[in-house]
Amino acid sequence: MSGFVEKPEPIEVPGLVHLHTGKVRELYRNEAGDLVMVASDRTSAYDWVLPTEIPDKGRILTQLSLWWFDRLSDLVPHHVISTDVPAGAPADWEGRTLVCKSLAMVPVECVARGYLTGSGLAEYDESRTVCGLALPEGLVDGSELPGPIFTPATKAAVGDHDENVSYDEVARQVGAETAAQLRQATLAVYSRARDIARGRGIILADTKFEFGFDGDTLVIADEVLTPDSSRFWPADLWEPGRAQPSFDKQFVRDWLTSPESGWDRASEQPPPALPQHVVDATRAKYVEAYERLTGATWN
C-alpha cells in the first residue's frame, strides 16, 4: 500500500475550483482560467505522504523556485503570472501561492543527471546503462558523469513510482520534435543551474522538470531546482563510492527505516508520525539549501 496516510480536505475559496491534491501542492483554477498552485508543508517518503508536516517547507519550495525562475528565463519561459494570494484565501497562503498559466502539460518527467546515484545507479549496476544510454565502466555511487544526460521517466500517480524510460520511448509518446525540445531544454537548464550551485559550494547531482506548451511555446512549470525535485550535495563532503550527504528529507527516510520508528516498509501499514527532532533537522536542511543557494537569510 501507499498514498496519503491522512488525505487532507481541500480548502474552499470563493472563485476557485479545486482540481487536484498532490503530494505537496493543492491545485485550483480561478475564474480567469489560470491555475493557482499552493505549496503545503506536507512531506513524502517511500511513496507515502506522511501525517507530519515540516514547518515552512512549502514557502521554501515556492520562494526557491521563484529565485531559480528568474535565473533561467532567458533559456526557457516559466509559467508564473503572479504571487498574489486570491481574495478570500487563508492568510497562510502568503508566500506559498503561485498563479500560473494553464498549459498543455507534457506527460513526461524530464530528468537530468550529472552524477550517478539512485535509480540510475541501480540500472547502471545491472547493465552499464541509464535509460538505455551507455556509460563508462568503473563508475560508483556519486561518480560524476562524463557529461549531463537526459534520463526521462513516466509521471506516476500519488503513491506510485515514476518509471525510467528511454529517449526513444519519449519520442514515441510525444513525437520526435517535442522529445528533442524536452531534451535540449532539460540539459540547458540543468547545466546553468549546476554551474550556479557549484559556485555556492553545492553539487547538483540530478533534478527533474515538468514542461508544458503555451500555444507552440515550451514552458517550464511546477517547481524547479528545490530539495524536493533535486539532489543537492555539499561539495566539500563529496566522496564517490558511498551515499552522499544531501540537502533534502534524508533525515525522514533514515528515521522511517530505523528501529526507532518501528515501521516495516514492506508491510501494508502506513508510516508513523515523525518525532520533533526529525522534523527540526529536516526543516534545517531545507533552510540551509535555500540560504546557501540564494545568499539570503530565511525568515
Protein backbone atom coordinates (compact mmCIF):
# COMPACT_ATOMS: atom_id res chain seq x y z
CA MET A 1 0.00 0.00 0.00
CA SER A 2 0.97 3.64 -0.39
CA GLY A 3 -0.53 7.10 -0.85
CA PHE A 4 -1.77 9.50 1.81
CA VAL A 5 -1.69 8.45 5.45
CA GLU A 6 -4.31 11.15 6.04
CA LYS A 7 -5.56 12.81 2.87
CA PRO A 8 -6.42 16.46 3.60
CA GLU A 9 -9.70 18.07 2.68
CA PRO A 10 -9.09 20.94 0.24
CA ILE A 11 -9.80 24.46 1.48
CA GLU A 12 -12.75 26.11 -0.25
CA VAL A 13 -12.08 29.63 -1.54
CA PRO A 14 -14.65 31.80 -3.35
CA GLY A 15 -13.90 32.00 -7.06
CA LEU A 16 -11.57 29.00 -7.05
CA VAL A 17 -12.34 25.46 -8.21
CA HIS A 18 -10.21 22.76 -6.60
CA LEU A 19 -8.67 20.48 -9.22
CA HIS A 20 -6.17 18.19 -7.52
CA THR A 21 -4.44 17.30 -4.27
CA GLY A 22 -0.82 16.32 -4.91
CA LYS A 23 1.89 15.07 -2.60
CA VAL A 24 2.80 18.63 -1.68
CA ARG A 25 0.62 21.01 -3.71
CA GLU A 26 -3.06 21.86 -3.97
CA LEU A 27 -4.13 22.90 -7.44
CA TYR A 28 -7.04 25.24 -8.18
CA ARG A 29 -8.42 27.10 -11.19
CA ASN A 30 -9.53 30.71 -10.88
CA GLU A 31 -12.30 32.48 -12.77
CA ALA A 32 -9.83 33.75 -15.39
CA GLY A 33 -8.83 30.16 -16.18
CA ASP A 34 -5.41 30.43 -14.58
CA LEU A 35 -4.02 27.77 -12.26
CA VAL A 36 -3.43 28.55 -8.61
CA MET A 37 -0.77 26.35 -7.00
CA VAL A 38 -0.47 26.29 -3.21
CA ALA A 39 2.54 24.50 -1.71
CA SER A 40 1.75 22.83 1.61
CA ASP A 41 4.21 21.72 4.28
CA ARG A 42 3.46 18.05 3.56
CA THR A 43 6.35 15.67 3.01
CA SER A 44 6.53 12.24 1.43
CA ALA A 45 8.83 9.24 1.64
CA TYR A 46 8.73 5.72 0.23
CA ASP A 47 5.60 6.56 -1.78
CA TRP A 48 3.68 7.69 1.32
CA VAL A 49 2.55 11.23 2.08
CA LEU A 50 3.29 11.40 5.79
CA PRO A 51 0.99 12.62 8.56
CA THR A 52 3.62 15.06 9.92
CA GLU A 53 4.35 18.39 8.22
CA ILE A 54 7.71 20.20 8.01
CA PRO A 55 7.13 23.86 9.01
CA ASP A 56 7.93 26.43 6.26
CA LYS A 57 8.65 23.72 3.69
CA GLY A 58 6.01 24.92 1.22
CA ARG A 59 7.20 28.51 1.40
CA ILE A 60 10.83 27.50 0.97
CA LEU A 61 9.99 25.43 -2.11
CA THR A 62 7.96 28.29 -3.58
CA GLN A 63 10.48 31.04 -2.91
CA LEU A 64 13.39 28.93 -4.14
CA SER A 65 11.52 28.10 -7.35
CA LEU A 66 10.88 31.80 -7.94
CA TRP A 67 14.57 32.56 -7.39
CA TRP A 68 15.52 29.95 -9.98
CA PHE A 69 12.86 31.03 -12.50
CA ASP A 70 14.47 34.48 -12.52
CA ARG A 71 17.84 32.97 -13.41
CA LEU A 72 16.56 30.65 -16.14
CA SER A 73 14.06 32.79 -18.03
CA ASP A 74 16.47 33.51 -20.90
CA LEU A 75 16.74 29.75 -21.51
CA VAL A 76 13.06 28.79 -21.26
CA PRO A 77 9.99 30.80 -20.20
CA HIS A 78 8.20 29.84 -16.97
CA HIS A 79 4.52 29.58 -16.09
CA VAL A 80 4.27 32.07 -13.20
CA ILE A 81 1.91 35.01 -13.66
CA SER A 82 1.91 36.38 -10.11
CA THR A 83 2.36 35.51 -6.44
CA ASP A 84 -0.81 37.34 -5.35
CA VAL A 85 -2.94 35.47 -2.83
CA PRO A 86 -6.53 35.18 -4.13
CA ALA A 87 -9.16 37.22 -2.29
CA GLY A 88 -10.78 35.18 0.46
CA ALA A 89 -7.90 32.69 0.75
CA PRO A 90 -6.37 31.91 4.15
CA ALA A 91 -3.55 34.19 5.35
CA ASP A 92 -1.37 31.08 5.50
CA TRP A 93 -1.31 31.01 1.67
CA GLU A 94 1.03 34.03 1.67
CA GLY A 95 4.45 33.08 0.30
CA ARG A 96 3.36 29.63 -0.87
CA THR A 97 0.98 30.58 -3.71
CA LEU A 98 1.70 30.86 -7.44
CA VAL A 99 -0.83 31.98 -10.02
CA CYS A 100 0.24 30.28 -13.23
CA LYS A 101 -0.60 29.93 -16.90
CA SER A 102 -2.71 26.93 -17.76
CA LEU A 103 -0.51 24.82 -20.03
CA ALA A 104 -0.91 21.72 -22.15
CA MET A 105 1.37 19.60 -19.95
CA VAL A 106 3.75 17.04 -21.43
CA PRO A 107 3.28 13.67 -19.66
CA VAL A 108 7.00 13.14 -19.06
CA GLU A 109 9.25 13.72 -16.04
CA CYS A 110 12.30 15.37 -17.59
CA VAL A 111 15.27 14.22 -15.53
CA ALA A 112 18.84 15.46 -15.94
CA ARG A 113 21.73 13.66 -14.27
CA GLY A 114 25.28 14.89 -13.87
CA TYR A 115 26.21 12.31 -11.24
CA LEU A 116 25.36 8.64 -10.80
CA THR A 117 23.11 7.66 -7.89
CA GLY A 118 19.59 6.49 -7.06
CA SER A 119 17.65 4.59 -9.71
CA GLY A 120 20.32 5.48 -12.29
CA LEU A 121 22.94 3.69 -10.22
CA ALA A 122 20.71 0.63 -9.86
CA GLU A 123 20.30 0.37 -13.64
CA TYR A 124 24.00 1.04 -14.23
CA ASP A 125 25.00 -1.75 -11.87
CA GLU A 126 22.87 -4.17 -13.92
CA SER A 127 23.57 -3.08 -17.47
CA ARG A 128 26.12 -0.20 -17.54
CA THR A 129 23.36 1.98 -18.92
CA VAL A 130 20.89 4.60 -17.63
CA CYS A 131 17.62 4.85 -19.57
CA GLY A 132 19.37 2.95 -22.34
CA LEU A 133 22.35 5.33 -22.52
CA ALA A 134 25.68 3.50 -22.32
CA LEU A 135 28.08 4.75 -19.64
CA PRO A 136 31.77 4.01 -18.99
CA GLU A 137 32.95 1.16 -16.78
CA GLY A 138 34.14 1.81 -13.26
CA LEU A 139 31.52 4.30 -12.04
CA VAL A 140 30.32 4.12 -8.44
CA ASP A 141 27.69 5.77 -6.27
CA GLY A 142 28.30 9.53 -6.54
CA SER A 143 30.57 9.42 -9.61
CA GLU A 144 30.46 12.47 -11.86
CA LEU A 145 29.34 11.50 -15.36
CA PRO A 146 31.38 12.47 -18.45
CA GLY A 147 28.62 14.97 -19.21
CA PRO A 148 25.00 15.57 -18.16
CA ILE A 149 22.46 13.12 -19.57
CA PHE A 150 18.71 13.27 -20.20
CA THR A 151 17.02 10.34 -18.46
CA PRO A 152 13.23 10.76 -18.71
CA ALA A 153 10.58 8.98 -16.68
CA THR A 154 6.85 8.44 -16.89
CA LYS A 155 4.77 10.52 -14.46
CA ALA A 156 3.13 8.40 -11.77
CA ALA A 157 0.05 8.94 -9.62
CA VAL A 158 0.40 9.68 -5.91
CA GLY A 159 1.68 6.52 -4.23
CA ASP A 160 3.25 5.04 -7.38
CA HIS A 161 6.83 5.08 -8.65
CA ASP A 162 7.87 7.09 -11.69
CA GLU A 163 9.35 4.66 -14.20
CA ASN A 164 12.53 5.43 -16.16
CA VAL A 165 12.09 5.19 -19.92
CA SER A 166 14.32 5.58 -22.95
CA TYR A 167 14.51 8.68 -25.13
CA ASP A 168 13.06 6.64 -28.00
CA GLU A 169 10.03 5.84 -25.84
CA VAL A 170 9.51 9.55 -25.11
CA ALA A 171 9.74 10.31 -28.83
CA ARG A 172 7.16 7.61 -29.48
CA GLN A 173 4.80 9.04 -26.87
CA VAL A 174 5.06 12.77 -27.60
CA GLY A 175 6.67 12.97 -31.03
CA ALA A 176 10.27 13.39 -32.16
CA GLU A 177 10.19 17.20 -32.30
CA THR A 178 8.77 17.59 -28.78
CA ALA A 179 11.18 14.97 -27.40
CA ALA A 180 14.11 16.90 -28.87
CA GLN A 181 12.82 20.15 -27.35
CA LEU A 182 12.45 18.50 -23.94
CA ARG A 183 15.96 17.10 -24.02
CA GLN A 184 17.53 20.37 -25.15
CA ALA A 185 15.68 22.47 -22.55
CA THR A 186 16.31 19.99 -19.73
CA LEU A 187 20.05 19.82 -20.32
CA ALA A 188 20.38 23.59 -20.83
CA VAL A 189 18.57 24.37 -17.58
CA TYR A 190 20.47 21.69 -15.67
CA SER A 191 23.83 22.96 -16.92
CA ARG A 192 23.04 26.56 -15.96
CA ALA A 193 21.79 25.53 -12.51
CA ARG A 194 24.73 23.16 -11.95
CA ASP A 195 27.19 25.98 -12.55
CA ILE A 196 25.31 28.40 -10.28
CA ALA A 197 25.08 25.83 -7.49
CA ARG A 198 28.74 24.87 -7.88
CA GLY A 199 29.71 28.49 -7.30
CA ARG A 200 27.88 28.28 -3.96
CA GLY A 201 29.58 25.09 -2.82
CA ILE A 202 26.74 22.77 -3.79
CA ILE A 203 26.71 19.88 -6.27
CA LEU A 204 23.51 19.49 -8.27
CA ALA A 205 23.63 15.73 -8.77
CA ASP A 206 20.33 15.39 -10.61
CA THR A 207 16.99 17.10 -10.95
CA LYS A 208 13.63 16.74 -12.64
CA PHE A 209 11.49 19.25 -14.52
CA GLU A 210 7.99 19.41 -15.89
CA PHE A 211 7.17 21.21 -19.12
CA GLY A 212 4.02 22.22 -20.93
CA PHE A 213 3.05 24.16 -24.03
CA ASP A 214 1.57 27.65 -24.16
CA GLY A 215 0.46 27.50 -27.77
CA ASP A 216 3.63 26.48 -29.61
CA THR A 217 5.98 27.69 -26.86
CA LEU A 218 7.60 25.22 -24.48
CA VAL A 219 7.29 26.47 -20.88
CA ILE A 220 8.82 25.15 -17.66
CA ALA A 221 6.23 24.54 -14.93
CA ASP A 222 5.63 23.32 -11.39
CA GLU A 223 8.61 23.65 -9.03
CA VAL A 224 12.22 23.90 -10.18
CA LEU A 225 15.51 23.03 -8.54
CA THR A 226 14.26 22.57 -5.00
CA PRO A 227 15.35 19.92 -2.48
CA ASP A 228 12.12 18.05 -3.32
CA SER A 229 12.89 17.81 -7.04
CA SER A 230 16.69 17.68 -6.95
CA ARG A 231 19.63 16.06 -5.23
CA PHE A 232 21.85 18.76 -3.75
CA TRP A 233 25.11 17.64 -2.12
CA PRO A 234 27.63 19.75 -0.18
CA ALA A 235 30.65 19.93 -2.50
CA ASP A 236 33.18 19.83 0.33
CA LEU A 237 31.85 16.45 1.51
CA TRP A 238 31.53 14.80 -1.91
CA GLU A 239 33.17 11.37 -1.89
CA PRO A 240 32.30 8.91 -4.67
CA GLY A 241 31.79 5.31 -3.58
CA ARG A 242 29.23 5.97 -0.87
CA ALA A 243 25.88 7.65 -0.33
CA GLN A 244 26.37 11.43 -0.20
CA PRO A 245 25.00 13.73 2.50
CA SER A 246 22.23 15.81 0.97
CA PHE A 247 20.01 18.85 1.43
CA ASP A 248 16.66 17.10 1.49
CA LYS A 249 14.43 14.81 3.54
CA GLN A 250 17.06 12.14 4.13
CA PHE A 251 16.52 12.52 7.88
CA VAL A 252 12.92 11.41 7.28
CA ARG A 253 13.92 8.38 5.22
CA ASP A 254 16.61 7.35 7.69
CA TRP A 255 14.29 7.58 10.69
CA LEU A 256 11.47 5.66 8.97
CA THR A 257 13.80 2.75 8.24
CA SER A 258 15.41 2.82 11.71
CA PRO A 259 14.42 0.57 14.64
CA GLU A 260 13.23 3.69 16.48
CA SER A 261 10.30 4.17 14.10
CA GLY A 262 9.07 0.58 14.47
CA TRP A 263 7.77 0.73 10.89
CA ASP A 264 8.17 -2.15 8.45
CA ARG A 265 8.45 -0.64 4.99
CA ALA A 266 7.42 -3.97 3.42
CA SER A 267 4.20 -4.12 5.42
CA GLU A 268 0.83 -2.69 4.43
CA GLN A 269 0.80 -0.43 7.48
CA PRO A 270 1.17 3.33 6.94
CA PRO A 271 4.25 5.00 8.40
CA PRO A 272 4.05 6.65 11.82
CA ALA A 273 4.18 10.34 12.72
CA LEU A 274 7.66 11.88 12.77
CA PRO A 275 9.29 12.85 16.07
CA GLN A 276 10.15 16.51 16.65
CA HIS A 277 13.91 16.02 16.30
CA VAL A 278 13.45 14.63 12.77
CA VAL A 279 11.09 17.48 11.84
CA ASP A 280 13.57 20.07 13.14
CA ALA A 281 16.57 18.51 11.38
CA THR A 282 14.69 18.23 8.09
CA ARG A 283 13.48 21.84 8.24
CA ALA A 284 17.04 22.98 8.97
CA LYS A 285 18.28 21.24 5.80
CA TYR A 286 15.65 22.95 3.63
CA VAL A 287 16.54 26.32 5.17
CA GLU A 288 20.26 25.70 4.66
CA ALA A 289 19.74 24.80 0.99
CA TYR A 290 17.72 27.99 0.45
CA GLU A 291 20.26 30.19 2.19
CA ARG A 292 23.34 28.68 0.56
CA LEU A 293 21.86 28.87 -2.93
CA THR A 294 20.27 32.33 -2.74
CA GLY A 295 22.64 34.03 -0.33
CA ALA A 296 19.60 35.36 1.54
CA THR A 297 18.61 34.68 5.14
CA TRP A 298 15.38 32.74 5.59
CA ASN A 299 12.91 34.48 7.86
